[in-house]
Protein backbone atom coordinates (compact mmCIF):
# COMPACT_ATOMS: atom_id res chain seq x y z
CA UNK A 1 81.24 -3.53 24.18
CA UNK A 2 84.21 -1.22 24.53
CA UNK A 3 84.94 1.06 27.48
CA UNK A 4 83.59 4.19 25.77
CA UNK A 5 80.22 2.56 25.03
CA UNK A 6 80.07 1.17 28.56
CA UNK A 7 80.81 4.61 30.04
CA UNK A 8 78.14 6.22 27.86
CA UNK A 9 75.55 3.64 28.92
CA UNK A 10 76.46 4.06 32.58
CA UNK A 11 76.13 7.84 32.23
CA UNK A 12 72.69 7.43 30.62
CA UNK A 13 71.65 5.06 33.43
CA UNK A 14 72.69 7.66 35.98
CA UNK A 15 70.68 10.36 34.19
CA UNK A 16 67.60 8.14 34.07
CA UNK A 17 67.92 7.26 37.77
CA UNK A 18 68.11 10.95 38.65
CA UNK A 19 65.04 11.68 36.54
CA UNK A 20 63.23 8.72 38.17
CA UNK A 21 64.03 10.08 41.63
CA UNK A 22 62.94 13.59 40.63
CA UNK A 23 59.65 12.26 39.25
CA UNK A 24 59.09 10.41 42.51
CA UNK A 25 59.52 13.69 44.43
CA UNK A 26 57.12 15.53 42.11
CA UNK A 27 54.52 12.75 42.41
CA UNK A 28 54.69 12.85 46.21
CA UNK A 29 54.31 16.63 46.31
CA UNK A 30 51.44 16.59 43.84
CA UNK A 31 49.58 13.85 45.71
CA UNK A 32 49.82 15.86 48.94
CA UNK A 33 48.05 18.85 47.41
CA UNK A 34 44.30 19.06 47.91
CA UNK A 35 42.42 18.80 44.64
CA UNK A 36 45.40 17.56 42.66
CA UNK A 37 45.04 16.74 38.99
CA UNK A 38 44.55 12.97 38.76
CA UNK A 39 45.36 12.84 35.04
CA UNK A 40 48.64 14.68 35.56
CA UNK A 41 49.52 12.31 38.41
CA UNK A 42 48.83 9.27 36.23
CA UNK A 43 51.02 10.65 33.45
CA UNK A 44 53.88 11.30 35.86
CA UNK A 45 53.59 7.79 37.29
CA UNK A 46 53.62 6.31 33.79
CA UNK A 47 56.70 8.36 32.92
CA UNK A 48 58.39 7.24 36.14
CA UNK A 49 57.68 3.59 35.31
CA UNK A 50 59.06 4.08 31.80
CA UNK A 51 62.29 5.47 33.28
CA UNK A 52 62.54 2.45 35.59
CA UNK A 53 62.10 0.10 32.63
CA UNK A 54 64.71 2.00 30.62
CA UNK A 55 67.20 1.76 33.49
CA UNK A 56 66.61 -1.98 33.82
CA UNK A 57 67.04 -2.52 30.08
CA UNK A 58 70.26 -0.50 29.93
CA UNK A 59 71.66 -2.24 33.00
CA UNK A 60 71.10 -5.58 31.26
CA UNK A 61 73.02 -4.25 28.26
CA UNK A 62 75.94 -3.25 30.44
CA UNK A 63 75.98 -6.40 32.56
CA UNK A 64 74.03 -9.30 31.01
CA UNK A 65 73.15 -12.28 33.23
CA UNK A 66 74.38 -14.75 30.62
CA UNK A 67 77.62 -16.38 31.79
CA UNK A 68 80.40 -16.34 29.22
């Protein structure tokens, strides 16, 4: 992997981490509201988990655990 690809992956990881954090904030605010929409909350949680999985996968691409 060259430096340009690595930089692009690291930028994408940063974007996904920011989105993950933002989703966490939205989920907390929604859960605090009385009579919140349970379906909407479940969808946001699923999306947050997907972002976490995407970050983990990309981080493994950037820095694999396999020793050279």
